[in-house]
Amino acid sequence: MVMPADLFRQVMQLPEDELRRLRSIIDERLGDEQVDADATEAWDAEIARRSAEVDAGTAETVSLEEFDAFLEERRRRRAAAGNG
């Protein structure tokens, strides 16, 4: 079984055209949700911008370990607050 964090890391390494294809497949799978064309266009632009930053080496990134620690701390805070 593929762990979500591993899958996420693999997906984020895909080229932009493959990300778009994957999103299209997921949209089809979810089916009955209405997709807002303006939102889709805005997300496409955001994905392109972020991909360009990563390619240029100007993106601020975090390691998988840092991201996992962030999520764990967030879970702890929510649990302490009674929200999950």
PDB file of N, CA and C in Angstrom:
ATOM      1  N   MET A   1       0.836  -1.182   0.000  1.00  0.00           N
ATOM      2  CA  MET A   1       0.000   0.000   0.000  1.00  0.00           C
ATOM      3  C   MET A   1       0.884   1.249   0.000  1.00  0.00           C
ATOM      4  N   VAL A   2       0.547   2.206  -0.818  1.00  0.00           N
ATOM      5  CA  VAL A   2       1.294   3.455  -0.898  1.00  0.00           C
ATOM      6  C   VAL A   2       0.797   4.389   0.200  1.00  0.00           C
ATOM      7  N   MET A   3       1.729   4.949   0.943  1.00  0.00           N
ATOM      8  CA  MET A   3       1.377   5.885   2.002  1.00  0.00           C
ATOM      9  C   MET A   3       1.044   7.244   1.377  1.00  0.00           C
ATOM     10  N   PRO A   4       0.048   7.967   1.929  1.00  0.00           N
ATOM     11  CA  PRO A   4      -0.337   9.259   1.352  1.00  0.00           C
ATOM     12  C   PRO A   4       0.827  10.237   1.201  1.00  0.00           C
ATOM     13  N   ALA A   5       1.707  10.315   2.177  1.00  0.00           N
ATOM     14  CA  ALA A   5       2.836  11.256   2.081  1.00  0.00           C
ATOM     15  C   ALA A   5       3.749  10.883   0.919  1.00  0.00           C
ATOM     16  N   ASP A   6       3.970   9.579   0.714  1.00  0.00           N
ATOM     17  CA  ASP A   6       4.802   9.135  -0.405  1.00  0.00           C
ATOM     18  C   ASP A   6       4.125   9.454  -1.737  1.00  0.00           C
ATOM     19  N   LEU A   7       2.830   9.199  -1.794  1.00  0.00           N
ATOM     20  CA  LEU A   7       2.080   9.483  -3.009  1.00  0.00           C
ATOM     21  C   LEU A   7       2.103  10.976  -3.313  1.00  0.00           C
ATOM     22  N   PHE A   8       1.896  11.799  -2.284  1.00  0.00           N
ATOM     23  CA  PHE A   8       1.931  13.249  -2.461  1.00  0.00           C
ATOM     24  C   PHE A   8       3.281  13.687  -3.019  1.00  0.00           C
ATOM     25  N   ARG A   9       4.351  13.165  -2.445  1.00  0.00           N
ATOM     26  CA  ARG A   9       5.694  13.529  -2.899  1.00  0.00           C
ATOM     27  C   ARG A   9       5.881  13.140  -4.369  1.00  0.00           C
ATOM     28  N   GLN A  10       5.397  11.967  -4.751  1.00  0.00           N
ATOM     29  CA  GLN A  10       5.526  11.524  -6.138  1.00  0.00           C
ATOM     30  C   GLN A  10       4.707  12.411  -7.076  1.00  0.00           C
ATOM     31  N   VAL A  11       3.485  12.731  -6.658  1.00  0.00           N
ATOM     32  CA  VAL A  11       2.619  13.564  -7.491  1.00  0.00           C
ATOM     33  C   VAL A  11       3.237  14.941  -7.704  1.00  0.00           C
ATOM     34  N   MET A  12       3.817  15.506  -6.657  1.00  0.00           N
ATOM     35  CA  MET A  12       4.388  16.844  -6.766  1.00  0.00           C
ATOM     36  C   MET A  12       5.629  16.883  -7.661  1.00  0.00           C
ATOM     37  N   GLN A  13       6.172  15.733  -7.998  1.00  0.00           N
ATOM     38  CA  GLN A  13       7.336  15.664  -8.890  1.00  0.00           C
ATOM     39  C   GLN A  13       6.913  15.545 -10.362  1.00  0.00           C
ATOM     40  N   LEU A  14       5.617  15.354 -10.611  1.00  0.00           N
ATOM     41  CA  LEU A  14       5.137  15.204 -11.978  1.00  0.00           C
ATOM     42  C   LEU A  14       5.274  16.514 -12.745  1.00  0.00           C
ATOM     43  N   PRO A  15       5.506  16.418 -14.050  1.00  0.00           N
ATOM     44  CA  PRO A  15       5.508  17.627 -14.867  1.00  0.00           C
ATOM     45  C   PRO A  15       4.092  18.219 -14.921  1.00  0.00           C
ATOM     46  N   GLU A  16       4.014  19.480 -15.255  1.00  0.00           N
ATOM     47  CA  GLU A  16       2.738  20.196 -15.237  1.00  0.00           C
ATOM     48  C   GLU A  16       1.660  19.510 -16.072  1.00  0.00           C
ATOM     49  N   ASP A  17       2.001  19.028 -17.262  1.00  0.00           N
ATOM     50  CA  ASP A  17       0.989  18.392 -18.104  1.00  0.00           C
ATOM     51  C   ASP A  17       0.442  17.122 -17.460  1.00  0.00           C
ATOM     52  N   GLU A  18       1.283  16.387 -16.751  1.00  0.00           N
ATOM     53  CA  GLU A  18       0.818  15.186 -16.062  1.00  0.00           C
ATOM     54  C   GLU A  18      -0.051  15.547 -14.856  1.00  0.00           C
ATOM     55  N   LEU A  19       0.284  16.646 -14.174  1.00  0.00           N
ATOM     56  CA  LEU A  19      -0.560  17.117 -13.067  1.00  0.00           C
ATOM     57  C   LEU A  19      -1.953  17.472 -13.575  1.00  0.00           C
ATOM     58  N   ARG A  20      -2.005  18.149 -14.704  1.00  0.00           N
ATOM     59  CA  ARG A  20      -3.303  18.510 -15.291  1.00  0.00           C
ATOM     60  C   ARG A  20      -4.093  17.255 -15.661  1.00  0.00           C
ATOM     61  N   ARG A  21      -3.408  16.280 -16.228  1.00  0.00           N
ATOM     62  CA  ARG A  21      -4.070  15.026 -16.613  1.00  0.00           C
ATOM     63  C   ARG A  21      -4.605  14.303 -15.378  1.00  0.00           C
ATOM     64  N   LEU A  22      -3.799  14.255 -14.331  1.00  0.00           N
ATOM     65  CA  LEU A  22      -4.223  13.618 -13.089  1.00  0.00           C
ATOM     66  C   LEU A  22      -5.426  14.339 -12.494  1.00  0.00           C
ATOM     67  N   ARG A  23      -5.379  15.669 -12.497  1.00  0.00           N
ATOM     68  CA  ARG A  23      -6.511  16.429 -11.970  1.00  0.00           C
ATOM     69  C   ARG A  23      -7.776  16.131 -12.765  1.00  0.00           C
ATOM     70  N   SER A  24      -7.648  16.022 -14.068  1.00  0.00           N
ATOM     71  CA  SER A  24      -8.791  15.712 -14.915  1.00  0.00           C
ATOM     72  C   SER A  24      -9.378  14.348 -14.563  1.00  0.00           C
ATOM     73  N   ILE A  25      -8.515  13.371 -14.344  1.00  0.00           N
ATOM     74  CA  ILE A  25      -8.971  12.030 -13.966  1.00  0.00           C
ATOM     75  C   ILE A  25      -9.690  12.070 -12.624  1.00  0.00           C
ATOM     76  N   ILE A  26      -9.132  12.811 -11.670  1.00  0.00           N
ATOM     77  CA  ILE A  26      -9.759  12.919 -10.351  1.00  0.00           C
ATOM     78  C   ILE A  26     -11.098  13.638 -10.467  1.00  0.00           C
ATOM     79  N   ASP A  27     -11.154  14.706 -11.256  1.00  0.00           N
ATOM     80  CA  ASP A  27     -12.416  15.420 -11.464  1.00  0.00           C
ATOM     81  C   ASP A  27     -13.479  14.482 -12.034  1.00  0.00           C
ATOM     82  N   GLU A  28     -13.094  13.655 -13.000  1.00  0.00           N
ATOM     83  CA  GLU A  28     -14.035  12.696 -13.581  1.00  0.00           C
ATOM     84  C   GLU A  28     -14.499  11.691 -12.540  1.00  0.00           C
ATOM     85  N   ARG A  29     -13.594  11.235 -11.708  1.00  0.00           N
ATOM     86  CA  ARG A  29     -13.913  10.237 -10.679  1.00  0.00           C
ATOM     87  C   ARG A  29     -14.891  10.798  -9.660  1.00  0.00           C
ATOM     88  N   LEU A  30     -14.687  12.065  -9.275  1.00  0.00           N
ATOM     89  CA  LEU A  30     -15.578  12.698  -8.313  1.00  0.00           C
ATOM     90  C   LEU A  30     -16.913  13.052  -8.956  1.00  0.00           C
ATOM     91  N   GLY A  31     -16.889  13.209 -10.266  1.00  0.00           N
ATOM     92  CA  GLY A  31     -18.079  13.322 -11.078  1.00  0.00           C
ATOM     93  C   GLY A  31     -19.063  14.430 -10.806  1.00  0.00           C
ATOM     94  N   ASP A  32     -19.908  14.251  -9.825  1.00  0.00           N
ATOM     95  CA  ASP A  32     -21.065  15.118  -9.698  1.00  0.00           C
ATOM     96  C   ASP A  32     -20.776  16.470  -9.049  1.00  0.00           C
ATOM     97  N   GLU A  33     -19.549  16.759  -8.723  1.00  0.00           N
ATOM     98  CA  GLU A  33     -19.223  18.075  -8.191  1.00  0.00           C
ATOM     99  C   GLU A  33     -19.093  19.065  -9.339  1.00  0.00           C
ATOM    100  N   GLN A  34     -19.701  20.210  -9.187  1.00  0.00           N
ATOM    101  CA  GLN A  34     -19.640  21.250 -10.213  1.00  0.00           C
ATOM    102  C   GLN A  34     -18.263  21.909 -10.192  1.00  0.00           C
ATOM    103  N   VAL A  35     -17.627  21.973 -11.338  1.00  0.00           N
ATOM    104  CA  VAL A  35     -16.310  22.590 -11.440  1.00  0.00           C
ATOM    105  C   VAL A  35     -16.483  24.006 -11.977  1.00  0.00           C
ATOM    106  N   ASP A  36     -15.988  24.964 -11.246  1.00  0.00           N
ATOM    107  CA  ASP A  36     -16.051  26.366 -11.641  1.00  0.00           C
ATOM    108  C   ASP A  36     -14.908  26.644 -12.616  1.00  0.00           C
ATOM    109  N   ALA A  37     -15.244  27.024 -13.842  1.00  0.00           N
ATOM    110  CA  ALA A  37     -14.224  27.239 -14.880  1.00  0.00           C
ATOM    111  C   ALA A  37     -13.233  28.327 -14.480  1.00  0.00           C
ATOM    112  N   ASP A  38     -13.720  29.388 -13.845  1.00  0.00           N
ATOM    113  CA  ASP A  38     -12.812  30.453 -13.411  1.00  0.00           C
ATOM    114  C   ASP A  38     -11.842  29.947 -12.355  1.00  0.00           C
ATOM    115  N   ALA A  39     -12.348  29.147 -11.429  1.00  0.00           N
ATOM    116  CA  ALA A  39     -11.488  28.596 -10.381  1.00  0.00           C
ATOM    117  C   ALA A  39     -10.460  27.654 -10.995  1.00  0.00           C
ATOM    118  N   THR A  40     -10.892  26.845 -11.945  1.00  0.00           N
ATOM    119  CA  THR A  40      -9.981  25.923 -12.616  1.00  0.00           C
ATOM    120  C   THR A  40      -8.874  26.697 -13.328  1.00  0.00           C
ATOM    121  N   GLU A  41      -9.253  27.757 -14.000  1.00  0.00           N
ATOM    122  CA  GLU A  41      -8.262  28.573 -14.704  1.00  0.00           C
ATOM    123  C   GLU A  41      -7.289  29.213 -13.713  1.00  0.00           C
ATOM    124  N   ALA A  42      -7.815  29.690 -12.597  1.00  0.00           N
ATOM    125  CA  ALA A  42      -6.960  30.305 -11.579  1.00  0.00           C
ATOM    126  C   ALA A  42      -5.995  29.278 -10.990  1.00  0.00           C
ATOM    127  N   TRP A  43      -6.492  28.059 -10.728  1.00  0.00           N
ATOM    128  CA  TRP A  43      -5.613  27.017 -10.190  1.00  0.00           C
ATOM    129  C   TRP A  43      -4.560  26.612 -11.211  1.00  0.00           C
ATOM    130  N   ASP A  44      -4.936  26.547 -12.478  1.00  0.00           N
ATOM    131  CA  ASP A  44      -3.951  26.231 -13.522  1.00  0.00           C
ATOM    132  C   ASP A  44      -2.819  27.259 -13.515  1.00  0.00           C
ATOM    133  N   ALA A  45      -3.184  28.531 -13.395  1.00  0.00           N
ATOM    134  CA  ALA A  45      -2.175  29.590 -13.359  1.00  0.00           C
ATOM    135  C   ALA A  45      -1.309  29.469 -12.107  1.00  0.00           C
ATOM    136  N   GLU A  46      -1.933  29.150 -10.977  1.00  0.00           N
ATOM    137  CA  GLU A  46      -1.181  29.010  -9.725  1.00  0.00           C
ATOM    138  C   GLU A  46      -0.213  27.827  -9.797  1.00  0.00           C
ATOM    139  N   ILE A  47      -0.670  26.719 -10.363  1.00  0.00           N
ATOM    140  CA  ILE A  47       0.199  25.544 -10.523  1.00  0.00           C
ATOM    141  C   ILE A  47       1.388  25.894 -11.414  1.00  0.00           C
ATOM    142  N   ALA A  48       1.121  26.593 -12.506  1.00  0.00           N
ATOM    143  CA  ALA A  48       2.200  26.984 -13.420  1.00  0.00           C
ATOM    144  C   ALA A  48       3.195  27.903 -12.718  1.00  0.00           C
ATOM    145  N   ARG A  49       2.688  28.865 -11.936  1.00  0.00           N
ATOM    146  CA  ARG A  49       3.558  29.800 -11.224  1.00  0.00           C
ATOM    147  C   ARG A  49       4.440  29.065 -10.227  1.00  0.00           C
ATOM    148  N   ARG A  50       3.815  28.178  -9.445  1.00  0.00           N
ATOM    149  CA  ARG A  50       4.585  27.447  -8.433  1.00  0.00           C
ATOM    150  C   ARG A  50       5.594  26.503  -9.077  1.00  0.00           C
ATOM    151  N   SER A  51       5.196  25.852 -10.160  1.00  0.00           N
ATOM    152  CA  SER A  51       6.121  24.957 -10.871  1.00  0.00           C
ATOM    153  C   SER A  51       7.326  25.732 -11.384  1.00  0.00           C
ATOM    154  N   ALA A  52       7.076  26.925 -11.904  1.00  0.00           N
ATOM    155  CA  ALA A  52       8.173  27.755 -12.408  1.00  0.00           C
ATOM    156  C   ALA A  52       9.111  28.150 -11.274  1.00  0.00           C
ATOM    157  N   GLU A  53       8.558  28.458 -10.092  1.00  0.00           N
ATOM    158  CA  GLU A  53       9.397  28.806  -8.942  1.00  0.00           C
ATOM    159  C   GLU A  53      10.268  27.622  -8.517  1.00  0.00           C
ATOM    160  N   VAL A  54       9.674  26.436  -8.506  1.00  0.00           N
ATOM    161  CA  VAL A  54      10.446  25.243  -8.138  1.00  0.00           C
ATOM    162  C   VAL A  54      11.553  25.020  -9.155  1.00  0.00           C
ATOM    163  N   ASP A  55      11.208  25.103 -10.437  1.00  0.00           N
ATOM    164  CA  ASP A  55      12.199  24.902 -11.500  1.00  0.00           C
ATOM    165  C   ASP A  55      13.332  25.926 -11.426  1.00  0.00           C
ATOM    166  N   ALA A  56      12.993  27.162 -11.054  1.00  0.00           N
ATOM    167  CA  ALA A  56      13.994  28.229 -10.985  1.00  0.00           C
ATOM    168  C   ALA A  56      14.798  28.193  -9.689  1.00  0.00           C
ATOM    169  N   GLY A  57      14.356  27.371  -8.751  1.00  0.00           N
ATOM    170  CA  GLY A  57      15.053  27.290  -7.471  1.00  0.00           C
ATOM    171  C   GLY A  57      14.725  28.438  -6.528  1.00  0.00           C
ATOM    172  N   THR A  58      13.655  29.168  -6.813  1.00  0.00           N
ATOM    173  CA  THR A  58      13.283  30.306  -5.969  1.00  0.00           C
ATOM    174  C   THR A  58      12.135  29.990  -5.016  1.00  0.00           C
ATOM    175  N   ALA A  59      11.575  28.798  -5.119  1.00  0.00           N
ATOM    176  CA  ALA A  59      10.463  28.417  -4.241  1.00  0.00           C
ATOM    177  C   ALA A  59      10.981  28.117  -2.846  1.00  0.00           C
ATOM    178  N   GLU A  60      10.199  28.514  -1.865  1.00  0.00           N
ATOM    179  CA  GLU A  60      10.533  28.169  -0.484  1.00  0.00           C
ATOM    180  C   GLU A  60       9.911  26.798  -0.220  1.00  0.00           C
ATOM    181  N   THR A  61      10.743  25.807  -0.010  1.00  0.00           N
ATOM    182  CA  THR A  61      10.253  24.445   0.170  1.00  0.00           C
ATOM    183  C   THR A  61      10.563  23.948   1.574  1.00  0.00           C
ATOM    184  N   VAL A  62       9.884  22.859   1.945  1.00  0.00           N
ATOM    185  CA  VAL A  62      10.162  22.192   3.215  1.00  0.00           C
ATOM    186  C   VAL A  62      10.360  20.713   2.925  1.00  0.00           C
ATOM    187  N   SER A  63      11.103  20.057   3.782  1.00  0.00           N
ATOM    188  CA  SER A  63      11.318  18.624   3.613  1.00  0.00           C
ATOM    189  C   SER A  63      10.050  17.877   4.017  1.00  0.00           C
ATOM    190  N   LEU A  64       9.965  16.631   3.614  1.00  0.00           N
ATOM    191  CA  LEU A  64       8.833  15.802   4.007  1.00  0.00           C
ATOM    192  C   LEU A  64       8.772  15.681   5.522  1.00  0.00           C
ATOM    193  N   GLU A  65       9.924  15.585   6.161  1.00  0.00           N
ATOM    194  CA  GLU A  65       9.964  15.477   7.621  1.00  0.00           C
ATOM    195  C   GLU A  65       9.404  16.738   8.275  1.00  0.00           C
ATOM    196  N   GLU A  66       9.765  17.905   7.742  1.00  0.00           N
ATOM    197  CA  GLU A  66       9.235  19.167   8.278  1.00  0.00           C
ATOM    198  C   GLU A  66       7.724  19.248   8.085  1.00  0.00           C
ATOM    199  N   PHE A  67       7.254  18.808   6.930  1.00  0.00           N
ATOM    200  CA  PHE A  67       5.821  18.829   6.649  1.00  0.00           C
ATOM    201  C   PHE A  67       5.077  17.879   7.582  1.00  0.00           C
ATOM    202  N   ASP A  68       5.616  16.675   7.778  1.00  0.00           N
ATOM    203  CA  ASP A  68       5.004  15.720   8.706  1.00  0.00           C
ATOM    204  C   ASP A  68       4.945  16.288  10.116  1.00  0.00           C
ATOM    205  N   ALA A  69       6.017  16.948  10.555  1.00  0.00           N
ATOM    206  CA  ALA A  69       6.049  17.556  11.888  1.00  0.00           C
ATOM    207  C   ALA A  69       5.002  18.661  11.997  1.00  0.00           C
ATOM    208  N   PHE A  70       4.860  19.452  10.947  1.00  0.00           N
ATOM    209  CA  PHE A  70       3.847  20.504  10.926  1.00  0.00           C
ATOM    210  C   PHE A  70       2.451  19.908  11.080  1.00  0.00           C
ATOM    211  N   LEU A  71       2.167  18.846  10.317  1.00  0.00           N
ATOM    212  CA  LEU A  71       0.853  18.208  10.400  1.00  0.00           C
ATOM    213  C   LEU A  71       0.606  17.604  11.772  1.00  0.00           C
ATOM    214  N   GLU A  72       1.613  16.968  12.330  1.00  0.00           N
ATOM    215  CA  GLU A  72       1.463  16.363  13.654  1.00  0.00           C
ATOM    216  C   GLU A  72       1.171  17.433  14.706  1.00  0.00           C
ATOM    217  N   GLU A  73       1.880  18.535  14.653  1.00  0.00           N
ATOM    218  CA  GLU A  73       1.639  19.634  15.600  1.00  0.00           C
ATOM    219  C   GLU A  73       0.232  20.195  15.423  1.00  0.00           C
ATOM    220  N   ARG A  74      -0.200  20.320  14.198  1.00  0.00           N
ATOM    221  CA  ARG A  74      -1.557  20.810  13.918  1.00  0.00           C
ATOM    222  C   ARG A  74      -2.602  19.849  14.478  1.00  0.00           C
ATOM    223  N   ARG A  75      -2.380  18.549  14.295  1.00  0.00           N
ATOM    224  CA  ARG A  75      -3.304  17.549  14.859  1.00  0.00           C
ATOM    225  C   ARG A  75      -3.357  17.656  16.377  1.00  0.00           C
ATOM    226  N   ARG A  76      -2.180  17.805  17.000  1.00  0.00           N
ATOM    227  CA  ARG A  76      -2.120  17.926  18.462  1.00  0.00           C
ATOM    228  C   ARG A  76      -2.908  19.136  18.950  1.00  0.00           C
ATOM    229  N   ARG A  77      -2.716  20.270  18.277  1.00  0.00           N
ATOM    230  CA  ARG A  77      -3.430  21.491  18.680  1.00  0.00           C
ATOM    231  C   ARG A  77      -4.936  21.333  18.524  1.00  0.00           C
ATOM    232  N   ARG A  78      -5.358  20.718  17.427  1.00  0.00           N
ATOM    233  CA  ARG A  78      -6.797  20.517  17.214  1.00  0.00           C
ATOM    234  C   ARG A  78      -7.370  19.559  18.249  1.00  0.00           C
ATOM    235  N   ALA A  79      -6.633  18.500  18.542  1.00  0.00           N
ATOM    236  CA  ALA A  79      -7.102  17.541  19.548  1.00  0.00           C
ATOM    237  C   ALA A  79      -7.200  18.212  20.914  1.00  0.00           C
ATOM    238  N   ALA A  80      -6.221  19.040  21.249  1.00  0.00           N
ATOM    239  CA  ALA A  80      -6.230  19.738  22.535  1.00  0.00           C
ATOM    240  C   ALA A  80      -7.393  20.724  22.618  1.00  0.00           C
ATOM    241  N   ALA A  81      -7.772  21.286  21.479  1.00  0.00           N
ATOM    242  CA  ALA A  81      -8.875  22.240  21.443  1.00  0.00           C
ATOM    243  C   ALA A  81     -10.225  21.539  21.312  1.00  0.00           C
ATOM    244  N   GLY A  82     -10.193  20.205  21.169  1.00  0.00           N
ATOM    245  CA  GLY A  82     -11.433  19.444  21.024  1.00  0.00           C
ATOM    246  C   GLY A  82     -12.010  19.460  19.627  1.00  0.00           C
ATOM    247  N   ASN A  83     -11.176  19.759  18.638  1.00  0.00           N
ATOM    248  CA  ASN A  83     -11.638  19.826  17.244  1.00  0.00           C
ATOM    249  C   ASN A  83     -11.136  18.670  16.394  1.00  0.00           C
ATOM    250  N   GLY A  84     -10.840  17.582  16.989  1.00  0.00           N
ATOM    251  CA  GLY A  84     -10.439  16.510  16.112  1.00  0.00           C
ATOM    252  C   GLY A  84      -9.430  15.619  16.633  1.00  0.00           C
TER     253      GLY A  84
END
